[in-house]
Every structure is written in C-alpha cells, then in structure tokens.
Amino acid sequence: QVQLVESGGGLVQPGGSLRLSCVASGFPFSSSPMSWYRQAPGKDREWVAIITDNSVYSNYGDSVKGRFTISRDNAKNTGYLEMRSLKVDDTAIYYCMVNILGSEHWGQGTRVTVSA
C-alpha cells in the first residue's frame, strides 16, 4: 500500500536550518507530484510547497518563499524540504502528501520546533 514516511524534524534555533525527508513506497513515486504541508498548534493545515514528478516545476506558499526549497530524488523514492532562516512561526508538524488518481495520501508527519 501507499506509504510516506517523513523524518528530519527537531528543535532548532531561529535562523537555523533543517532538511526534511519523505520516503515513499507502494506506488510509482517518479510519476507523482509531491507536496509538503504543515500544521501549527491550534491552526489549520497550511500548504507549503509542491514539486512536479520530473522536478521541472515547483511552487511555494508566500510564508516560506525564498527560505524553503523542495526537491526530490526519484531514484531513491524520496522527497525533501530544505528549510533555511527558520522562524518561530515555522514551528509545526510537517507532512508530505501525494495525490494518486484523486486520492490524497499523507505521511505521519515530523515535528519541527523553532525556539531559542
């Protein structure tokens, strides 16, 4: 079955960096666009970034544009979210998501805490 497993979260100081990973299995990852979302405590889930299957196109939410970079390695069935210049407001659980034939599949999330 479809599985997405995120990792790489943790505690980081403001201004720091983290790289999140999302390992996919159970479907043709190289044929699927991939997105990252996040959900902060007490807030709705927020779209962060998307990348096409061949990495030709990517786009970002306004709150992370210029600081986050989405990428993927189809040979490793893995997607990434490189986060730089982190702010306290980036604190959230981060999820990767793929949409396969109209069905959304989500990972379990990885927690990112930005705090001094």
C-alpha atoms as a PDB file:
ATOM      1  CA  GLN A   1       0.000   0.000   0.000  1.00  0.00           C
ATOM      2  CA  VAL A   2       0.996   3.648  -0.289  1.00  0.00           C
ATOM      3  CA  GLN A   3       3.376   4.702   2.448  1.00  0.00           C
ATOM      4  CA  LEU A   4       5.003   8.045   3.126  1.00  0.00           C
ATOM      5  CA  VAL A   5       7.457   8.376   5.993  1.00  0.00           C
ATOM      6  CA  GLU A   6       8.759  11.796   6.989  1.00  0.00           C
ATOM      7  CA  SER A   7      11.874  12.403   9.045  1.00  0.00           C
ATOM      8  CA  GLY A   8      14.362  15.138   9.843  1.00  0.00           C
ATOM      9  CA  GLY A   9      12.341  17.267  12.209  1.00  0.00           C
ATOM     10  CA  GLY A  10      13.655  18.523  15.501  1.00  0.00           C
ATOM     11  CA  LEU A  11      14.430  21.527  17.647  1.00  0.00           C
ATOM     12  CA  VAL A  12      16.312  24.376  16.000  1.00  0.00           C
ATOM     13  CA  GLN A  13      17.072  27.965  16.949  1.00  0.00           C
ATOM     14  CA  PRO A  14      15.644  30.886  14.980  1.00  0.00           C
ATOM     15  CA  GLY A  15      17.778  31.471  11.907  1.00  0.00           C
ATOM     16  CA  GLY A  16      18.781  27.830  11.735  1.00  0.00           C
ATOM     17  CA  SER A  17      18.224  25.195   9.059  1.00  0.00           C
ATOM     18  CA  LEU A  18      16.728  21.739   8.747  1.00  0.00           C
ATOM     19  CA  ARG A  19      16.200  19.272   5.928  1.00  0.00           C
ATOM     20  CA  LEU A  20      13.124  17.112   5.988  1.00  0.00           C
ATOM     21  CA  SER A  21      12.856  13.860   4.046  1.00  0.00           C
ATOM     22  CA  CYS A  22       9.845  11.896   2.834  1.00  0.00           C
ATOM     23  CA  VAL A  23      10.459   8.303   1.780  1.00  0.00           C
ATOM     24  CA  ALA A  24       7.733   6.879  -0.448  1.00  0.00           C
ATOM     25  CA  SER A  25       6.755   3.302  -1.229  1.00  0.00           C
ATOM     26  CA  GLY A  26       3.874   1.319  -2.676  1.00  0.00           C
ATOM     27  CA  PHE A  27       3.274   3.466  -5.763  1.00  0.00           C
ATOM     28  CA  PRO A  28       5.201   4.902  -8.737  1.00  0.00           C
ATOM     29  CA  PHE A  29       6.792   7.849  -6.946  1.00  0.00           C
ATOM     30  CA  SER A  30       8.532   9.090 -10.085  1.00  0.00           C
ATOM     31  CA  SER A  31       5.124   9.666 -11.706  1.00  0.00           C
ATOM     32  CA  SER A  32       3.592  11.612  -8.836  1.00  0.00           C
ATOM     33  CA  PRO A  33       3.792  15.284  -7.919  1.00  0.00           C
ATOM     34  CA  MET A  34       4.548  15.744  -4.243  1.00  0.00           C
ATOM     35  CA  SER A  35       3.562  18.410  -1.755  1.00  0.00           C
ATOM     36  CA  TRP A  36       4.566  19.477   1.718  1.00  0.00           C
ATOM     37  CA  TYR A  37       2.054  20.835   4.209  1.00  0.00           C
ATOM     38  CA  ARG A  38       2.358  21.911   7.800  1.00  0.00           C
ATOM     39  CA  GLN A  39       0.061  22.358  10.761  1.00  0.00           C
ATOM     40  CA  ALA A  40       0.932  24.613  13.648  1.00  0.00           C
ATOM     41  CA  PRO A  41      -0.669  24.172  17.065  1.00  0.00           C
ATOM     42  CA  GLY A  42      -4.222  25.490  17.021  1.00  0.00           C
ATOM     43  CA  LYS A  43      -4.123  26.361  13.319  1.00  0.00           C
ATOM     44  CA  ASP A  44      -5.419  24.850  10.097  1.00  0.00           C
ATOM     45  CA  ARG A  45      -3.164  22.790   7.885  1.00  0.00           C
ATOM     46  CA  GLU A  46      -1.195  25.053   5.539  1.00  0.00           C
ATOM     47  CA  TRP A  47       0.198  24.232   2.124  1.00  0.00           C
ATOM     48  CA  VAL A  48       3.965  24.781   1.974  1.00  0.00           C
ATOM     49  CA  ALA A  49       5.302  23.644  -1.390  1.00  0.00           C
ATOM     50  CA  ILE A  50       4.749  21.422  -4.406  1.00  0.00           C
ATOM     51  CA  ILE A  51       7.040  19.820  -6.963  1.00  0.00           C
ATOM     52  CA  THR A  52       6.153  18.049 -10.193  1.00  0.00           C
ATOM     53  CA  ASP A  53       7.113  14.456 -10.889  1.00  0.00           C
ATOM     54  CA  ASN A  54      10.098  15.463 -13.026  1.00  0.00           C
ATOM     55  CA  SER A  55      11.165  18.403 -10.808  1.00  0.00           C
ATOM     56  CA  VAL A  56      10.652  20.862 -13.656  1.00  0.00           C
ATOM     57  CA  TYR A  57       8.169  22.957 -11.717  1.00  0.00           C
ATOM     58  CA  SER A  58       7.910  23.897  -8.054  1.00  0.00           C
ATOM     59  CA  ASN A  59       5.966  26.470  -6.137  1.00  0.00           C
ATOM     60  CA  TYR A  60       5.811  27.751  -2.571  1.00  0.00           C
ATOM     61  CA  GLY A  61       3.474  29.342  -0.114  1.00  0.00           C
ATOM     62  CA  ASP A  62       4.103  33.023   0.495  1.00  0.00           C
ATOM     63  CA  SER A  63       5.188  32.455   4.078  1.00  0.00           C
ATOM     64  CA  VAL A  64       8.127  30.230   3.047  1.00  0.00           C
ATOM     65  CA  LYS A  65       9.049  31.572  -0.381  1.00  0.00           C
ATOM     66  CA  GLY A  66      12.746  32.355  -0.604  1.00  0.00           C
ATOM     67  CA  ARG A  67      13.586  30.341   2.528  1.00  0.00           C
ATOM     68  CA  PHE A  68      12.426  26.791   1.735  1.00  0.00           C
ATOM     69  CA  THR A  69      13.400  24.587  -1.186  1.00  0.00           C
ATOM     70  CA  ILE A  70      11.522  21.484  -2.273  1.00  0.00           C
ATOM     71  CA  SER A  71      13.341  18.770  -4.205  1.00  0.00           C
ATOM     72  CA  ARG A  72      13.189  15.069  -4.932  1.00  0.00           C
ATOM     73  CA  ASP A  73      15.343  12.116  -5.886  1.00  0.00           C
ATOM     74  CA  ASN A  74      13.202   9.697  -7.851  1.00  0.00           C
ATOM     75  CA  ALA A  75      15.941   7.069  -7.843  1.00  0.00           C
ATOM     76  CA  LYS A  76      15.656   6.988  -4.048  1.00  0.00           C
ATOM     77  CA  ASN A  77      11.850   7.435  -3.915  1.00  0.00           C
ATOM     78  CA  THR A  78      12.487  10.376  -1.622  1.00  0.00           C
ATOM     79  CA  GLY A  79      11.333  13.955  -1.457  1.00  0.00           C
ATOM     80  CA  TYR A  80      12.975  16.725   0.521  1.00  0.00           C
ATOM     81  CA  LEU A  81      12.198  20.072   2.069  1.00  0.00           C
ATOM     82  CA  GLU A  82      15.233  22.220   2.787  1.00  0.00           C
ATOM     83  CA  MET A  83      14.350  24.909   5.318  1.00  0.00           C
ATOM     84  CA  ARG A  84      16.600  27.891   5.984  1.00  0.00           C
ATOM     85  CA  SER A  85      16.313  31.081   8.044  1.00  0.00           C
ATOM     86  CA  LEU A  86      13.777  29.357  10.226  1.00  0.00           C
ATOM     87  CA  LYS A  87      11.419  31.473  12.290  1.00  0.00           C
ATOM     88  CA  VAL A  88       9.428  30.730  15.410  1.00  0.00           C
ATOM     89  CA  ASP A  89       6.309  30.842  13.206  1.00  0.00           C
ATOM     90  CA  ASP A  90       7.646  27.851  11.240  1.00  0.00           C
ATOM     91  CA  THR A  91       7.009  25.654  14.272  1.00  0.00           C
ATOM     92  CA  ALA A  92       4.601  22.927  13.119  1.00  0.00           C
ATOM     93  CA  ILE A  93       4.181  19.316  12.193  1.00  0.00           C
ATOM     94  CA  TYR A  94       5.275  18.898   8.579  1.00  0.00           C
ATOM     95  CA  TYR A  95       3.602  16.382   6.280  1.00  0.00           C
ATOM     96  CA  CYS A  96       4.310  15.161   2.782  1.00  0.00           C
ATOM     97  CA  MET A  97       1.388  14.339   0.524  1.00  0.00           C
ATOM     98  CA  VAL A  98       0.849  12.722  -2.841  1.00  0.00           C
ATOM     99  CA  ASN A  99      -2.380  12.658  -4.824  1.00  0.00           C
ATOM    100  CA  ILE A 100      -2.866   9.404  -6.692  1.00  0.00           C
ATOM    101  CA  LEU A 101      -5.854   9.239  -9.035  1.00  0.00           C
ATOM    102  CA  GLY A 102      -7.738  11.725  -6.897  1.00  0.00           C
ATOM    103  CA  SER A 103      -6.912  10.155  -3.542  1.00  0.00           C
ATOM    104  CA  GLU A 104      -4.678  12.022  -1.131  1.00  0.00           C
ATOM    105  CA  HIS A 105      -2.096  10.046   0.811  1.00  0.00           C
ATOM    106  CA  TRP A 106      -0.328  11.543   3.808  1.00  0.00           C
ATOM    107  CA  GLY A 107       2.606  10.637   5.955  1.00  0.00           C
ATOM    108  CA  GLN A 108       2.509  10.652   9.733  1.00  0.00           C
ATOM    109  CA  GLY A 109       4.369  13.953   9.945  1.00  0.00           C
ATOM    110  CA  THR A 110       7.576  15.159  11.507  1.00  0.00           C
ATOM    111  CA  ARG A 111       7.648  17.839  14.182  1.00  0.00           C
ATOM    112  CA  VAL A 112       9.696  21.000  13.735  1.00  0.00           C
ATOM    113  CA  THR A 113      10.155  23.318  16.687  1.00  0.00           C
ATOM    114  CA  VAL A 114      11.882  26.656  16.248  1.00  0.00           C
ATOM    115  CA  SER A 115      12.757  28.156  19.577  1.00  0.00           C
ATOM    116  CA  ALA A 116      15.565  29.978  21.308  1.00  0.00           C
END
